[in-house]
C-alpha atoms as a PDB file:
ATOM      1  CA  MET A   1     177.943  19.985  -7.542  1.00  0.00           C
ATOM      2  CA  ARG A   2     177.048  22.659 -10.463  1.00  0.00           C
ATOM      3  CA  ARG A   3     173.279  21.958  -8.535  1.00  0.00           C
ATOM      4  CA  LEU A   4     173.893  23.366  -6.023  1.00  0.00           C
ATOM      5  CA  PRO A   5     173.836  26.994  -6.938  1.00  0.00           C
ATOM      6  CA  LEU A   6     170.346  26.390  -8.400  1.00  0.00           C
ATOM      7  CA  CYS A   7     169.156  24.650  -5.639  1.00  0.00           C
ATOM      8  CA  LEU A   8     170.247  28.414  -3.427  1.00  0.00           C
ATOM      9  CA  ALA A   9     168.404  30.476  -6.288  1.00  0.00           C
ATOM     10  CA  ALA A  10     165.621  28.457  -6.257  1.00  0.00           C
ATOM     11  CA  ILE A  11     165.645  28.639  -2.118  1.00  0.00           C
ATOM     12  CA  LEU A  12     166.135  32.172  -2.299  1.00  0.00           C
ATOM     13  CA  CYS A  13     163.393  32.485  -4.638  1.00  0.00           C
ATOM     14  CA  LEU A  14     161.053  30.720  -2.932  1.00  0.00           C
ATOM     15  CA  LEU A  15     161.997  32.673  -0.321  1.00  0.00           C
ATOM     16  CA  LEU A  16     161.335  36.391  -1.687  1.00  0.00           C
ATOM     17  CA  ALA A  17     158.360  34.820  -3.007  1.00  0.00           C
ATOM     18  CA  ALA A  18     157.138  33.866   0.178  1.00  0.00           C
ATOM     19  CA  THR A  19     158.370  37.004   2.537  1.00  0.00           C
ATOM     20  CA  GLY A  20     157.966  39.257  -0.741  1.00  0.00           C
ATOM     21  CA  PRO A  21     153.929  40.785  -0.090  1.00  0.00           C
ATOM     22  CA  ALA A  22     154.791  40.783   3.517  1.00  0.00           C
ATOM     23  CA  LEU A  23     157.418  42.695   3.307  1.00  0.00           C
ATOM     24  CA  ALA A  24     156.589  45.111   0.510  1.00  0.00           C
ATOM     25  CA  ALA A  25     154.875  47.048   3.265  1.00  0.00           C
ATOM     26  CA  ASP A  26     157.470  47.752   5.150  1.00  0.00           C
ATOM     27  CA  LEU A  27     159.372  49.826   2.782  1.00  0.00           C
ATOM     28  CA  PRO A  28     161.284  52.558   4.786  1.00  0.00           C
ATOM     29  CA  LYS A  29     160.183  55.938   4.239  1.00  0.00           C
ATOM     30  CA  ASP A  30     163.338  57.320   1.402  1.00  0.00           C
ATOM     31  CA  ALA A  31     162.684  53.680  -0.725  1.00  0.00           C
ATOM     32  CA  PRO A  32     163.141  54.412  -4.305  1.00  0.00           C
ATOM     33  CA  SER A  33     160.367  54.149  -6.564  1.00  0.00           C
ATOM     34  CA  LEU A  34     159.864  50.655  -8.075  1.00  0.00           C
ATOM     35  CA  ALA A  35     160.434  51.363 -11.585  1.00  0.00           C
ATOM     36  CA  ASP A  36     164.077  53.350 -10.849  1.00  0.00           C
ATOM     37  CA  VAL A  37     164.670  50.197  -8.926  1.00  0.00           C
ATOM     38  CA  GLN A  38     164.125  48.012 -11.968  1.00  0.00           C
ATOM     39  CA  GLU A  39     165.831  50.147 -13.752  1.00  0.00           C
ATOM     40  CA  TYR A  40     168.760  49.397 -11.565  1.00  0.00           C
ATOM     41  CA  VAL A  41     168.126  46.082 -12.367  1.00  0.00           C
ATOM     42  CA  ARG A  42     167.966  46.072 -16.586  1.00  0.00           C
ATOM     43  CA  LEU A  43     171.524  48.902 -16.605  1.00  0.00           C
ATOM     44  CA  PHE A  44     173.335  45.820 -14.057  1.00  0.00           C
ATOM     45  CA  GLY A  45     172.301  42.654 -15.901  1.00  0.00           C
ATOM     46  CA  TYR A  46     170.536  40.984 -13.218  1.00  0.00           C
ATOM     47  CA  ARG A  47     168.147  39.236 -15.368  1.00  0.00           C
ATOM     48  CA  GLU A  48     170.511  37.972 -18.037  1.00  0.00           C
ATOM     49  CA  MET A  49     172.600  36.897 -15.214  1.00  0.00           C
ATOM     50  CA  LEU A  50     170.359  35.008 -14.288  1.00  0.00           C
ATOM     51  CA  GLU A  51     169.589  34.078 -17.279  1.00  0.00           C
ATOM     52  CA  GLN A  52     172.631  32.571 -18.532  1.00  0.00           C
ATOM     53  CA  SER A  53     173.470  30.644 -14.799  1.00  0.00           C
ATOM     54  CA  ALA A  54     170.793  28.444 -15.271  1.00  0.00           C
ATOM     55  CA  ASN A  55     170.978  28.338 -19.186  1.00  0.00           C
ATOM     56  CA  ARG A  56     174.726  26.910 -18.034  1.00  0.00           C
ATOM     57  CA  GLN A  57     173.046  24.605 -15.190  1.00  0.00           C
ATOM     58  CA  LEU A  58     170.343  23.423 -17.462  1.00  0.00           C
ATOM     59  CA  ALA A  59     172.889  22.012 -20.100  1.00  0.00           C
ATOM     60  CA  ALA A  60     175.338  20.845 -17.349  1.00  0.00           C
ATOM     61  CA  LEU A  61     171.754  18.838 -16.222  1.00  0.00           C
ATOM     62  CA  LEU A  62     170.594  17.760 -19.640  1.00  0.00           C
ATOM     63  CA  ASP A  63     174.587  16.774 -20.333  1.00  0.00           C
ATOM     64  CA  SER A  64     174.349  14.604 -17.227  1.00  0.00           C
ATOM     65  CA  VAL A  65     170.949  12.724 -17.826  1.00  0.00           C
ATOM     66  CA  ARG A  66     172.082  12.328 -21.177  1.00  0.00           C
ATOM     67  CA  LYS A  67     175.430  10.413 -20.566  1.00  0.00           C
ATOM     68  CA  GLU A  68     173.162   8.107 -17.668  1.00  0.00           C
ATOM     69  CA  ARG A  69     170.493   7.653 -20.413  1.00  0.00           C
ATOM     70  CA  PRO A  70     172.420   7.647 -23.986  1.00  0.00           C
ATOM     71  CA  ASP A  71     168.917   5.312 -24.832  1.00  0.00           C
ATOM     72  CA  VAL A  72     166.857   8.677 -24.823  1.00  0.00           C
ATOM     73  CA  SER A  73     167.189  10.528 -28.029  1.00  0.00           C
ATOM     74  CA  ALA A  74     168.485  13.836 -29.188  1.00  0.00           C
ATOM     75  CA  GLU A  75     164.782  15.068 -30.113  1.00  0.00           C
ATOM     76  CA  THR A  76     163.447  14.266 -26.750  1.00  0.00           C
ATOM     77  CA  PHE A  77     166.664  16.188 -24.972  1.00  0.00           C
ATOM     78  CA  ASP A  78     165.535  19.381 -28.074  1.00  0.00           C
ATOM     79  CA  ILE A  79     162.468  19.425 -26.683  1.00  0.00           C
ATOM     80  CA  ILE A  80     163.831  19.596 -22.785  1.00  0.00           C
ATOM     81  CA  ARG A  81     166.011  22.431 -23.282  1.00  0.00           C
ATOM     82  CA  LEU A  82     163.542  24.205 -25.378  1.00  0.00           C
ATOM     83  CA  GLU A  83     160.587  23.703 -22.937  1.00  0.00           C
ATOM     84  CA  MET A  84     163.384  24.513 -20.514  1.00  0.00           C
ATOM     85  CA  LEU A  85     164.644  27.917 -21.494  1.00  0.00           C
ATOM     86  CA  GLY A  86     160.976  29.158 -21.864  1.00  0.00           C
ATOM     87  CA  GLU A  87     160.136  28.353 -18.085  1.00  0.00           C
ATOM     88  CA  ILE A  88     163.943  30.291 -17.371  1.00  0.00           C
ATOM     89  CA  LYS A  89     162.879  32.979 -19.823  1.00  0.00           C
ATOM     90  CA  ALA A  90     159.691  33.624 -17.724  1.00  0.00           C
ATOM     91  CA  ALA A  91     160.954  32.512 -13.762  1.00  0.00           C
ATOM     92  CA  SER A  92     163.553  35.151 -14.535  1.00  0.00           C
ATOM     93  CA  GLU A  93     161.053  38.535 -14.962  1.00  0.00           C
ATOM     94  CA  ARG A  94     159.453  37.030 -12.081  1.00  0.00           C
ATOM     95  CA  SER A  95     163.098  37.060  -9.843  1.00  0.00           C
ATOM     96  CA  ALA A  96     164.371  40.393 -11.736  1.00  0.00           C
ATOM     97  CA  ARG A  97     161.194  41.933 -10.280  1.00  0.00           C
ATOM     98  CA  ASP A  98     161.469  40.189  -6.952  1.00  0.00           C
ATOM     99  CA  MET A  99     164.929  41.637  -6.535  1.00  0.00           C
ATOM    100  CA  ALA A 100     163.814  45.404  -7.620  1.00  0.00           C
ATOM    101  CA  GLU A 101     161.363  44.539  -4.162  1.00  0.00           C
ATOM    102  CA  ALA A 102     164.065  43.292  -2.580  1.00  0.00           C
ATOM    103  CA  PHE A 103     166.328  46.142  -3.263  1.00  0.00           C
ATOM    104  CA  ARG A 104     163.918  48.593  -2.704  1.00  0.00           C
ATOM    105  CA  ARG A 105     163.274  47.306   1.205  1.00  0.00           C
ATOM    106  CA  ILE A 106     167.318  47.949   1.473  1.00  0.00           C
ATOM    107  CA  LEU A 107     168.488  50.856  -0.957  1.00  0.00           C
ATOM    108  CA  SER A 108     168.281  54.775  -0.268  1.00  0.00           C
ATOM    109  CA  ARG A 109     166.873  57.072  -2.934  1.00  0.00           C
ATOM    110  CA  GLU A 110     169.748  58.485  -2.576  1.00  0.00           C
ATOM    111  CA  ASP A 111     171.630  54.908  -3.487  1.00  0.00           C
ATOM    112  CA  VAL A 112     169.916  53.848  -6.573  1.00  0.00           C
ATOM    113  CA  ALA A 113     169.830  57.260  -8.211  1.00  0.00           C
ATOM    114  CA  TYR A 114     173.690  57.157  -7.674  1.00  0.00           C
ATOM    115  CA  LEU A 115     174.062  53.287  -8.814  1.00  0.00           C
ATOM    116  CA  LEU A 116     171.837  55.013 -12.039  1.00  0.00           C
ATOM    117  CA  ARG A 117     174.141  57.584 -12.528  1.00  0.00           C
ATOM    118  CA  LEU A 118     177.167  54.718 -12.247  1.00  0.00           C
ATOM    119  CA  GLY A 119     175.052  51.898 -14.972  1.00  0.00           C
ATOM    120  CA  GLN A 120     174.828  54.482 -17.173  1.00  0.00           C
ATOM    121  CA  ASP A 121     178.469  55.612 -17.421  1.00  0.00           C
ATOM    122  CA  PRO A 122     180.624  53.517 -20.220  1.00  0.00           C
ATOM    123  CA  ARG A 123     183.321  52.396 -18.556  1.00  0.00           C
ATOM    124  CA  MET A 124     180.765  50.110 -15.990  1.00  0.00           C
ATOM    125  CA  GLN A 125     178.430  49.261 -18.969  1.00  0.00           C
ATOM    126  CA  ARG A 126     181.731  47.735 -20.182  1.00  0.00           C
ATOM    127  CA  VAL A 127     182.195  45.472 -16.394  1.00  0.00           C
ATOM    128  CA  ILE A 128     178.462  45.484 -16.623  1.00  0.00           C
ATOM    129  CA  ARG A 129     179.066  43.262 -20.409  1.00  0.00           C
ATOM    130  CA  LEU A 130     182.454  41.480 -18.275  1.00  0.00           C
ATOM    131  CA  GLN A 131     179.727  40.091 -15.919  1.00  0.00           C
ATOM    132  CA  PRO A 132     178.953  36.747 -17.394  1.00  0.00           C
ATOM    133  CA  ALA A 133     182.525  35.772 -18.206  1.00  0.00           C
ATOM    134  CA  LEU A 134     183.041  36.393 -14.647  1.00  0.00           C
ATOM    135  CA  ALA A 135     180.303  34.347 -13.323  1.00  0.00           C
ATOM    136  CA  ARG A 136     181.593  31.405 -15.419  1.00  0.00           C
ATOM    137  CA  ASP A 137     184.487  31.595 -13.498  1.00  0.00           C
ATOM    138  CA  LEU A 138     183.775  32.511 -10.364  1.00  0.00           C
ATOM    139  CA  GLU A 139     181.928  29.377 -10.069  1.00  0.00           C
ATOM    140  CA  GLY A 140     184.646  27.309 -10.581  1.00  0.00           C
ATOM    141  CA  VAL A 141     186.480  28.911  -7.662  1.00  0.00           C
ATOM    142  CA  GLY A 142     183.022  28.379  -6.479  1.00  0.00           C
ATOM    143  CA  GLU A 143     182.707  25.291  -6.856  1.00  0.00           C
ATOM    144  CA  ARG A 144     186.285  23.689  -5.913  1.00  0.00           C
ATOM    145  CA  LEU A 145     185.915  25.673  -2.045  1.00  0.00           C
ATOM    146  CA  ALA A 146     182.297  23.403  -1.355  1.00  0.00           C
ATOM    147  CA  SER A 147     184.648  20.361  -2.630  1.00  0.00           C
ATOM    148  CA  GLU A 148     187.619  21.259  -0.427  1.00  0.00           C
ATOM    149  CA  VAL A 149     185.077  22.323   2.486  1.00  0.00           C
ATOM    150  CA  THR A 150     183.411  18.417   1.927  1.00  0.00           C
ATOM    151  CA  ALA A 151     186.803  16.842   1.560  1.00  0.00           C
ATOM    152  CA  SER A 152     187.664  18.282   4.755  1.00  0.00           C
ATOM    153  CA  ALA A 153     184.283  17.973   6.525  1.00  0.00           C
ATOM    154  CA  MET A 154     183.662  14.639   6.035  1.00  0.00           C
ATOM    155  CA  PRO A 155     185.848  12.818   8.235  1.00  0.00           C
ATOM    156  CA  ARG A 156     184.469  15.112  11.199  1.00  0.00           C
ATOM    157  CA  ILE A 157     181.489  14.219  10.196  1.00  0.00           C
ATOM    158  CA  ALA A 158     181.599  11.383   9.433  1.00  0.00           C
ATOM    159  CA  GLU A 159     183.295  10.511  12.937  1.00  0.00           C
ATOM    160  CA  ARG A 160     180.670  11.931  14.671  1.00  0.00           C
ATOM    161  CA  LEU A 161     177.849  10.144  13.422  1.00  0.00           C
ATOM    162  CA  LYS A 162     179.454   6.760  14.363  1.00  0.00           C
ATOM    163  CA  ALA A 163     180.039   8.305  17.699  1.00  0.00           C
ATOM    164  CA  LEU A 164     176.409   9.276  17.796  1.00  0.00           C
ATOM    165  CA  ARG A 165     175.527   5.480  17.070  1.00  0.00           C
ATOM    166  CA  GLY A 166     177.200   4.034  19.210  1.00  0.00           C
ATOM    167  CA  GLN A 167     175.947   6.034  22.020  1.00  0.00           C
ATOM    168  CA  GLY A 168     172.033   4.751  20.771  1.00  0.00           C
ATOM    169  CA  SER A 169     173.185   1.738  20.507  1.00  0.00           C
END
């Protein structure tokens, strides 16, 4: 289940990357400056949240592989982890830029000016610092939701597939 959010994030990043250049020309007249939106992304810690989520998913993936492949040395996993951490850092920078472009298409100058003022407030900075812990807790909520939906839907899906197979015979 932990791989699902990473897959969704990868799909989102691919979609943003694929549509980003085409949509950059579609900025509204009152679009904020790229510098202001990048400051908003920085203040609210979006890049760090992406990195932390990817790091948790990487750790879970490596733990899973470690259990499946006890014959692989710890040094090998260390090399893989270090390489992946470097990739995560670079990818999160690109994703933060993609996010800024997406926000520019959606938010107005006034929206971003308000968010910048809000993001500089000490109380909001405290809330932003709490986001990683909140994200970890909410990830578990999302995983439980996905498990419940899957468990609930699977019998109906199996029944429908069985009926379809019966029609095709």
